[in-house]
C-alpha atoms as a PDB file:
ATOM      1  CA  UNK A   1     -27.275 -26.342 -27.963  1.00  0.00           C
ATOM      2  CA  UNK A   2     -29.905 -29.653 -27.780  1.00  0.00           C
ATOM      3  CA  UNK A   3     -27.720 -32.469 -29.297  1.00  0.00           C
ATOM      4  CA  UNK A   4     -28.963 -35.931 -29.869  1.00  0.00           C
ATOM      5  CA  UNK A   5     -26.031 -38.043 -29.576  1.00  0.00           C
ATOM      6  CA  UNK A   6     -25.902 -40.388 -26.933  1.00  0.00           C
ATOM      7  CA  UNK A   7     -23.392 -40.144 -23.749  1.00  0.00           C
ATOM      8  CA  UNK A   8     -21.359 -42.982 -24.922  1.00  0.00           C
ATOM      9  CA  UNK A   9     -20.650 -41.374 -28.244  1.00  0.00           C
ATOM     10  CA  UNK A  10     -20.125 -37.981 -26.972  1.00  0.00           C
ATOM     11  CA  UNK A  11     -17.615 -39.315 -24.287  1.00  0.00           C
ATOM     12  CA  UNK A  12     -15.797 -41.331 -27.226  1.00  0.00           C
ATOM     13  CA  UNK A  13     -15.165 -37.958 -28.756  1.00  0.00           C
ATOM     14  CA  UNK A  14     -14.613 -35.627 -25.867  1.00  0.00           C
ATOM     15  CA  UNK A  15     -12.164 -38.553 -24.932  1.00  0.00           C
ATOM     16  CA  UNK A  16      -9.805 -37.441 -27.726  1.00  0.00           C
ATOM     17  CA  UNK A  17      -9.513 -33.816 -27.463  1.00  0.00           C
ATOM     18  CA  UNK A  18      -7.250 -31.598 -24.941  1.00  0.00           C
ATOM     19  CA  UNK A  19      -9.453 -29.999 -22.393  1.00  0.00           C
ATOM     20  CA  UNK A  20      -7.123 -26.553 -22.372  1.00  0.00           C
ATOM     21  CA  UNK A  21      -7.020 -26.372 -25.838  1.00  0.00           C
ATOM     22  CA  UNK A  22     -10.972 -27.076 -26.468  1.00  0.00           C
ATOM     23  CA  UNK A  23     -11.873 -24.033 -24.054  1.00  0.00           C
ATOM     24  CA  UNK A  24      -9.151 -21.808 -25.415  1.00  0.00           C
ATOM     25  CA  UNK A  25     -10.934 -22.907 -28.990  1.00  0.00           C
ATOM     26  CA  UNK A  26     -14.601 -21.960 -27.459  1.00  0.00           C
ATOM     27  CA  UNK A  27     -13.158 -18.562 -26.324  1.00  0.00           C
ATOM     28  CA  UNK A  28     -11.961 -17.538 -29.632  1.00  0.00           C
ATOM     29  CA  UNK A  29     -15.174 -19.064 -31.431  1.00  0.00           C
ATOM     30  CA  UNK A  30     -17.623 -17.114 -29.400  1.00  0.00           C
ATOM     31  CA  UNK A  31     -15.179 -14.051 -29.951  1.00  0.00           C
ATOM     32  CA  UNK A  32     -15.733 -14.333 -33.624  1.00  0.00           C
ATOM     33  CA  UNK A  33     -19.611 -15.237 -33.379  1.00  0.00           C
ATOM     34  CA  UNK A  34     -20.098 -11.974 -31.145  1.00  0.00           C
ATOM     35  CA  UNK A  35     -18.658  -9.963 -33.948  1.00  0.00           C
ATOM     36  CA  UNK A  36     -21.350 -11.371 -36.584  1.00  0.00           C
ATOM     37  CA  UNK A  37     -23.969 -10.659 -34.066  1.00  0.00           C
ATOM     38  CA  UNK A  38     -27.480 -11.661 -34.486  1.00  0.00           C
ATOM     39  CA  UNK A  39     -27.253 -12.578 -37.719  1.00  0.00           C
ATOM     40  CA  UNK A  40     -25.223 -15.372 -36.673  1.00  0.00           C
ATOM     41  CA  UNK A  41     -26.978 -16.570 -33.961  1.00  0.00           C
ATOM     42  CA  UNK A  42     -30.113 -16.333 -35.815  1.00  0.00           C
ATOM     43  CA  UNK A  43     -28.828 -19.742 -38.102  1.00  0.00           C
ATOM     44  CA  UNK A  44     -28.233 -21.777 -34.924  1.00  0.00           C
ATOM     45  CA  UNK A  45     -30.785 -23.290 -32.520  1.00  0.00           C
ATOM     46  CA  UNK A  46     -32.578 -20.898 -29.695  1.00  0.00           C
ATOM     47  CA  UNK A  47     -29.763 -20.898 -26.677  1.00  0.00           C
ATOM     48  CA  UNK A  48     -27.051 -21.664 -28.529  1.00  0.00           C
ATOM     49  CA  UNK A  49     -24.989 -19.006 -27.306  1.00  0.00           C
ATOM     50  CA  UNK A  50     -26.128 -19.499 -23.887  1.00  0.00           C
ATOM     51  CA  UNK A  51     -25.676 -23.367 -23.779  1.00  0.00           C
ATOM     52  CA  UNK A  52     -21.879 -23.262 -25.040  1.00  0.00           C
ATOM     53  CA  UNK A  53     -20.747 -20.417 -22.849  1.00  0.00           C
ATOM     54  CA  UNK A  54     -22.471 -23.057 -19.879  1.00  0.00           C
ATOM     55  CA  UNK A  55     -20.638 -25.561 -20.998  1.00  0.00           C
ATOM     56  CA  UNK A  56     -17.257 -23.838 -21.565  1.00  0.00           C
ATOM     57  CA  UNK A  57     -17.396 -22.592 -17.908  1.00  0.00           C
ATOM     58  CA  UNK A  58     -18.387 -26.022 -16.649  1.00  0.00           C
ATOM     59  CA  UNK A  59     -15.560 -27.704 -18.012  1.00  0.00           C
ATOM     60  CA  UNK A  60     -13.008 -25.007 -16.730  1.00  0.00           C
ATOM     61  CA  UNK A  61     -14.189 -25.095 -13.438  1.00  0.00           C
ATOM     62  CA  UNK A  62     -14.165 -29.193 -13.414  1.00  0.00           C
ATOM     63  CA  UNK A  63     -10.823 -29.170 -14.948  1.00  0.00           C
ATOM     64  CA  UNK A  64      -9.666 -28.024 -11.778  1.00  0.00           C
ATOM     65  CA  UNK A  65     -10.634 -30.536  -9.921  1.00  0.00           C
ATOM     66  CA  UNK A  66      -8.209 -32.899  -8.683  1.00  0.00           C
ATOM     67  CA  UNK A  67      -9.395 -36.447  -9.364  1.00  0.00           C
ATOM     68  CA  UNK A  68     -10.336 -34.870 -13.234  1.00  0.00           C
ATOM     69  CA  UNK A  69      -7.025 -33.485 -14.192  1.00  0.00           C
ATOM     70  CA  UNK A  70      -5.437 -36.763 -12.796  1.00  0.00           C
ATOM     71  CA  UNK A  71      -8.074 -39.021 -14.775  1.00  0.00           C
ATOM     72  CA  UNK A  72      -7.296 -36.686 -17.843  1.00  0.00           C
ATOM     73  CA  UNK A  73      -3.339 -36.735 -17.523  1.00  0.00           C
ATOM     74  CA  UNK A  74      -3.937 -40.690 -17.420  1.00  0.00           C
ATOM     75  CA  UNK A  75      -5.896 -41.207 -20.785  1.00  0.00           C
ATOM     76  CA  UNK A  76      -3.360 -38.964 -22.191  1.00  0.00           C
ATOM     77  CA  UNK A  77      -0.126 -40.737 -21.302  1.00  0.00           C
ATOM     78  CA  UNK A  78      -1.248 -44.334 -21.594  1.00  0.00           C
ATOM     79  CA  UNK A  79       2.171 -46.524 -22.810  1.00  0.00           C
ATOM     80  CA  UNK A  80       1.774 -47.590 -26.379  1.00  0.00           C
ATOM     81  CA  UNK A  81       0.519 -51.024 -26.997  1.00  0.00           C
ATOM     82  CA  UNK A  82       2.454 -53.994 -28.678  1.00  0.00           C
ATOM     83  CA  UNK A  83       0.468 -52.989 -32.144  1.00  0.00           C
ATOM     84  CA  UNK A  84       1.733 -49.619 -31.973  1.00  0.00           C
ATOM     85  CA  UNK A  85       5.490 -51.051 -31.750  1.00  0.00           C
ATOM     86  CA  UNK A  86       4.852 -53.444 -34.404  1.00  0.00           C
ATOM     87  CA  UNK A  87       3.752 -50.727 -36.508  1.00  0.00           C
ATOM     88  CA  UNK A  88       6.496 -48.344 -35.986  1.00  0.00           C
ATOM     89  CA  UNK A  89       9.064 -51.471 -36.538  1.00  0.00           C
ATOM     90  CA  UNK A  90       7.410 -52.058 -40.308  1.00  0.00           C
ATOM     91  CA  UNK A  91       7.815 -48.458 -40.826  1.00  0.00           C
ATOM     92  CA  UNK A  92      11.288 -48.782 -40.343  1.00  0.00           C
ATOM     93  CA  UNK A  93      11.494 -51.786 -42.632  1.00  0.00           C
ATOM     94  CA  UNK A  94       9.691 -49.906 -45.482  1.00  0.00           C
ATOM     95  CA  UNK A  95      11.672 -46.916 -45.326  1.00  0.00           C
ATOM     96  CA  UNK A  96      14.973 -49.311 -45.237  1.00  0.00           C
ATOM     97  CA  UNK A  97      13.549 -51.091 -48.558  1.00  0.00           C
ATOM     98  CA  UNK A  98      12.623 -47.779 -50.339  1.00  0.00           C
ATOM     99  CA  UNK A  99      16.347 -46.534 -49.806  1.00  0.00           C
ATOM    100  CA  UNK A 100      17.694 -49.572 -51.294  1.00  0.00           C
ATOM    101  CA  UNK A 101      15.751 -48.856 -54.158  1.00  0.00           C
ATOM    102  CA  UNK A 102      16.721 -45.475 -54.074  1.00  0.00           C
ATOM    103  CA  UNK A 103      20.353 -46.068 -53.682  1.00  0.00           C
ATOM    104  CA  UNK A 104      20.143 -48.070 -57.071  1.00  0.00           C
ATOM    105  CA  UNK A 105      18.484 -44.944 -58.838  1.00  0.00           C
ATOM    106  CA  UNK A 106      14.729 -45.811 -58.391  1.00  0.00           C
ATOM    107  CA  UNK A 107      12.909 -42.382 -58.070  1.00  0.00           C
ATOM    108  CA  UNK A 108      10.653 -42.818 -55.051  1.00  0.00           C
ATOM    109  CA  UNK A 109       8.343 -40.357 -53.368  1.00  0.00           C
ATOM    110  CA  UNK A 110       9.792 -38.922 -49.720  1.00  0.00           C
ATOM    111  CA  UNK A 111       7.246 -40.310 -47.732  1.00  0.00           C
ATOM    112  CA  UNK A 112       8.676 -43.744 -48.512  1.00  0.00           C
ATOM    113  CA  UNK A 113      11.848 -42.576 -47.500  1.00  0.00           C
ATOM    114  CA  UNK A 114      11.605 -41.222 -44.103  1.00  0.00           C
ATOM    115  CA  UNK A 115       9.566 -41.683 -41.508  1.00  0.00           C
ATOM    116  CA  UNK A 116       7.329 -38.568 -40.577  1.00  0.00           C
ATOM    117  CA  UNK A 117       6.155 -38.215 -37.173  1.00  0.00           C
ATOM    118  CA  UNK A 118       2.963 -39.779 -35.596  1.00  0.00           C
ATOM    119  CA  UNK A 119       2.810 -39.803 -31.979  1.00  0.00           C
ATOM    120  CA  UNK A 120      -0.761 -41.020 -31.388  1.00  0.00           C
ATOM    121  CA  UNK A 121      -2.466 -43.867 -32.981  1.00  0.00           C
ATOM    122  CA  UNK A 122      -4.329 -42.313 -35.684  1.00  0.00           C
ATOM    123  CA  UNK A 123      -1.511 -40.304 -37.327  1.00  0.00           C
ATOM    124  CA  UNK A 124       0.312 -43.548 -36.917  1.00  0.00           C
ATOM    125  CA  UNK A 125      -2.745 -45.332 -38.995  1.00  0.00           C
ATOM    126  CA  UNK A 126      -3.281 -42.711 -41.420  1.00  0.00           C
ATOM    127  CA  UNK A 127       0.778 -42.912 -42.374  1.00  0.00           C
ATOM    128  CA  UNK A 128       1.004 -46.898 -42.596  1.00  0.00           C
ATOM    129  CA  UNK A 129      -1.918 -46.573 -44.882  1.00  0.00           C
ATOM    130  CA  UNK A 130      -0.572 -43.965 -47.127  1.00  0.00           C
ATOM    131  CA  UNK A 131       2.704 -46.218 -47.022  1.00  0.00           C
ATOM    132  CA  UNK A 132       1.108 -49.506 -47.949  1.00  0.00           C
ATOM    133  CA  UNK A 133      -0.588 -47.703 -51.025  1.00  0.00           C
ATOM    134  CA  UNK A 134       2.839 -46.305 -52.111  1.00  0.00           C
ATOM    135  CA  UNK A 135       4.619 -49.584 -51.796  1.00  0.00           C
ATOM    136  CA  UNK A 136       2.190 -50.951 -53.803  1.00  0.00           C
ATOM    137  CA  UNK A 137       2.079 -47.974 -56.750  1.00  0.00           C
ATOM    138  CA  UNK A 138       6.014 -48.625 -56.836  1.00  0.00           C
ATOM    139  CA  UNK A 139       6.200 -52.393 -56.200  1.00  0.00           C
ATOM    140  CA  UNK A 140       8.163 -52.566 -59.372  1.00  0.00           C
ATOM    141  CA  UNK A 141      11.031 -50.274 -58.781  1.00  0.00           C
ATOM    142  CA  UNK A 142      11.893 -52.167 -55.632  1.00  0.00           C
ATOM    143  CA  UNK A 143      15.065 -55.034 -55.667  1.00  0.00           C
ATOM    144  CA  UNK A 144      12.677 -57.334 -54.470  1.00  0.00           C
ATOM    145  CA  UNK A 145       8.872 -58.373 -53.994  1.00  0.00           C
ATOM    146  CA  UNK A 146       7.045 -56.361 -51.395  1.00  0.00           C
ATOM    147  CA  UNK A 147       3.873 -58.445 -51.233  1.00  0.00           C
ATOM    148  CA  UNK A 148       4.914 -59.798 -47.936  1.00  0.00           C
ATOM    149  CA  UNK A 149       5.724 -56.323 -46.513  1.00  0.00           C
ATOM    150  CA  UNK A 150       2.343 -55.174 -47.749  1.00  0.00           C
ATOM    151  CA  UNK A 151       0.318 -57.993 -46.271  1.00  0.00           C
ATOM    152  CA  UNK A 152       2.322 -57.424 -42.952  1.00  0.00           C
ATOM    153  CA  UNK A 153       1.168 -53.586 -43.090  1.00  0.00           C
ATOM    154  CA  UNK A 154      -2.218 -54.219 -43.613  1.00  0.00           C
ATOM    155  CA  UNK A 155      -2.717 -56.717 -40.969  1.00  0.00           C
ATOM    156  CA  UNK A 156      -0.828 -54.222 -38.497  1.00  0.00           C
ATOM    157  CA  UNK A 157      -3.013 -51.655 -39.523  1.00  0.00           C
ATOM    158  CA  UNK A 158      -6.391 -54.025 -39.185  1.00  0.00           C
ATOM    159  CA  UNK A 159      -5.405 -55.002 -35.782  1.00  0.00           C
ATOM    160  CA  UNK A 160      -3.985 -51.589 -34.304  1.00  0.00           C
ATOM    161  CA  UNK A 161      -7.364 -50.413 -35.615  1.00  0.00           C
ATOM    162  CA  UNK A 162      -9.182 -52.936 -33.389  1.00  0.00           C
ATOM    163  CA  UNK A 163      -7.510 -52.987 -30.485  1.00  0.00           C
ATOM    164  CA  UNK A 164      -7.321 -49.117 -30.233  1.00  0.00           C
ATOM    165  CA  UNK A 165     -11.058 -49.054 -30.417  1.00  0.00           C
ATOM    166  CA  UNK A 166     -11.441 -51.809 -27.835  1.00  0.00           C
ATOM    167  CA  UNK A 167      -8.884 -49.983 -25.852  1.00  0.00           C
ATOM    168  CA  UNK A 168     -11.178 -46.644 -26.267  1.00  0.00           C
ATOM    169  CA  UNK A 169     -14.714 -48.714 -25.178  1.00  0.00           C
ATOM    170  CA  UNK A 170     -13.034 -50.264 -22.315  1.00  0.00           C
ATOM    171  CA  UNK A 171     -11.267 -46.969 -20.937  1.00  0.00           C
ATOM    172  CA  UNK A 172     -14.529 -45.461 -21.159  1.00  0.00           C
ATOM    173  CA  UNK A 173     -16.765 -48.024 -20.047  1.00  0.00           C
ATOM    174  CA  UNK A 174     -13.829 -47.915 -16.365  1.00  0.00           C
ATOM    175  CA  UNK A 175     -13.748 -44.176 -15.862  1.00  0.00           C
ATOM    176  CA  UNK A 176     -15.496 -43.042 -13.034  1.00  0.00           C
ATOM    177  CA  UNK A 177     -19.222 -41.361 -13.458  1.00  0.00           C
ATOM    178  CA  UNK A 178     -17.879 -37.771 -12.832  1.00  0.00           C
ATOM    179  CA  UNK A 179     -14.937 -38.257 -15.390  1.00  0.00           C
ATOM    180  CA  UNK A 180     -17.225 -39.648 -17.808  1.00  0.00           C
ATOM    181  CA  UNK A 181     -19.838 -37.343 -17.569  1.00  0.00           C
ATOM    182  CA  UNK A 182     -16.773 -34.531 -18.004  1.00  0.00           C
ATOM    183  CA  UNK A 183     -15.609 -36.459 -21.321  1.00  0.00           C
ATOM    184  CA  UNK A 184     -19.179 -36.034 -22.744  1.00  0.00           C
ATOM    185  CA  UNK A 185     -19.554 -32.496 -22.068  1.00  0.00           C
ATOM    186  CA  UNK A 186     -16.118 -32.176 -23.838  1.00  0.00           C
ATOM    187  CA  UNK A 187     -17.722 -33.889 -26.633  1.00  0.00           C
ATOM    188  CA  UNK A 188     -20.840 -31.653 -26.412  1.00  0.00           C
ATOM    189  CA  UNK A 189     -18.478 -28.508 -26.474  1.00  0.00           C
ATOM    190  CA  UNK A 190     -16.487 -29.533 -29.795  1.00  0.00           C
ATOM    191  CA  UNK A 191     -20.025 -30.479 -31.434  1.00  0.00           C
ATOM    192  CA  UNK A 192     -21.226 -27.310 -30.713  1.00  0.00           C
ATOM    193  CA  UNK A 193     -18.274 -25.418 -31.455  1.00  0.00           C
ATOM    194  CA  UNK A 194     -18.457 -27.037 -34.881  1.00  0.00           C
ATOM    195  CA  UNK A 195     -22.037 -26.156 -35.481  1.00  0.00           C
ATOM    196  CA  UNK A 196     -21.144 -22.515 -34.982  1.00  0.00           C
ATOM    197  CA  UNK A 197     -18.175 -22.496 -37.052  1.00  0.00           C
ATOM    198  CA  UNK A 198     -21.136 -24.338 -39.917  1.00  0.00           C
ATOM    199  CA  UNK A 199     -22.988 -21.472 -39.018  1.00  0.00           C
ATOM    200  CA  UNK A 200     -20.409 -18.974 -39.564  1.00  0.00           C
ATOM    201  CA  UNK A 201     -19.449 -20.307 -42.603  1.00  0.00           C
ATOM    202  CA  UNK A 202     -22.904 -20.176 -44.119  1.00  0.00           C
ATOM    203  CA  UNK A 203     -23.172 -16.437 -43.204  1.00  0.00           C
ATOM    204  CA  UNK A 204     -20.134 -15.732 -44.887  1.00  0.00           C
ATOM    205  CA  UNK A 205     -20.311 -17.995 -47.831  1.00  0.00           C
ATOM    206  CA  UNK A 206     -19.741 -15.039 -50.497  1.00  0.00           C
ATOM    207  CA  UNK A 207     -16.482 -13.984 -48.429  1.00  0.00           C
ATOM    208  CA  UNK A 208     -13.757 -16.718 -48.054  1.00  0.00           C
ATOM    209  CA  UNK A 209     -11.557 -14.514 -45.897  1.00  0.00           C
ATOM    210  CA  UNK A 210     -14.352 -13.675 -43.322  1.00  0.00           C
ATOM    211  CA  UNK A 211     -15.442 -17.485 -43.447  1.00  0.00           C
ATOM    212  CA  UNK A 212     -11.981 -18.847 -42.667  1.00  0.00           C
ATOM    213  CA  UNK A 213     -11.887 -17.036 -39.299  1.00  0.00           C
ATOM    214  CA  UNK A 214     -14.586 -19.927 -38.117  1.00  0.00           C
ATOM    215  CA  UNK A 215     -11.989 -22.479 -37.808  1.00  0.00           C
ATOM    216  CA  UNK A 216     -10.330 -25.325 -35.194  1.00  0.00           C
ATOM    217  CA  UNK A 217      -6.730 -24.063 -35.480  1.00  0.00           C
ATOM    218  CA  UNK A 218      -6.493 -23.681 -31.749  1.00  0.00           C
ATOM    219  CA  UNK A 219      -7.750 -26.831 -31.000  1.00  0.00           C
ATOM    220  CA  UNK A 220      -5.786 -28.845 -33.305  1.00  0.00           C
ATOM    221  CA  UNK A 221      -2.375 -27.136 -32.831  1.00  0.00           C
ATOM    222  CA  UNK A 222       0.552 -29.273 -31.831  1.00  0.00           C
ATOM    223  CA  UNK A 223       1.340 -29.555 -27.829  1.00  0.00           C
ATOM    224  CA  UNK A 224       4.422 -27.353 -26.633  1.00  0.00           C
ATOM    225  CA  UNK A 225       7.372 -29.507 -25.599  1.00  0.00           C
ATOM    226  CA  UNK A 226       9.652 -29.061 -23.006  1.00  0.00           C
ATOM    227  CA  UNK A 227      13.333 -28.274 -23.423  1.00  0.00           C
ATOM    228  CA  UNK A 228      13.881 -32.408 -22.735  1.00  0.00           C
ATOM    229  CA  UNK A 229      11.690 -32.959 -25.725  1.00  0.00           C
ATOM    230  CA  UNK A 230       8.740 -34.057 -23.950  1.00  0.00           C
ATOM    231  CA  UNK A 231       5.286 -33.216 -24.300  1.00  0.00           C
ATOM    232  CA  UNK A 232       4.665 -30.542 -21.470  1.00  0.00           C
ATOM    233  CA  UNK A 233       2.343 -31.242 -18.698  1.00  0.00           C
ATOM    234  CA  UNK A 234      -0.960 -29.624 -19.033  1.00  0.00           C
ATOM    235  CA  UNK A 235      -2.131 -27.085 -17.035  1.00  0.00           C
ATOM    236  CA  UNK A 236      -5.924 -25.701 -16.084  1.00  0.00           C
ATOM    237  CA  UNK A 237      -7.579 -24.449 -19.075  1.00  0.00           C
ATOM    238  CA  UNK A 238      -8.041 -21.106 -17.522  1.00  0.00           C
ATOM    239  CA  UNK A 239      -4.345 -20.560 -17.275  1.00  0.00           C
ATOM    240  CA  UNK A 240      -3.826 -19.383 -20.892  1.00  0.00           C
ATOM    241  CA  UNK A 241      -7.310 -18.736 -21.948  1.00  0.00           C
ATOM    242  CA  UNK A 242      -8.434 -15.512 -23.246  1.00  0.00           C
END
């Protein structure tokens, strides 16, 4: 499937995806597409099926190469930076402030009273943004002014967004060429899967249950965790793909 995005954009997309989940998702999507057959492929550019299959197999093969697997693991386990730590401290401040108001009888949303899970930068940014909005909405319910707390939250969100973008660009620029190409092909495969999903939903626009089969639930599932509570080590994509 011809893709007009440049290599940097594709690598940026691919860098955020777990290769084993992506390949498993591709296997599933192809199965669903094959069930619909020619009617589905007629909605896509010529060669879409062949190109997606070739990308999937190429990623499986290269994932097993030691240097690619090690670099993927390094990217996935980079230490949290200072702004992530500040963001997590800020969340604790917000929850403490909200709990104090709740103990005094104020009705507050649950998302101000507990800290939700946010293992990576983007979920943390989304969570903090929502907490800032809720703080502003319930400012009069708090025992003291939340103006400084809101301002601090907005500053951390802005700084963390900037740092994350710069770090991602720096990481991509420093990757070995083979790894950068691998990330770009992950981006290509992801966009190819998305295109098939778009076609499938068009084909079944009158049947929501059949259209719902075209989804990304495999790609976006939560990683398994080991007994110690840490994320389980990545395995080669073809170990669990079917």
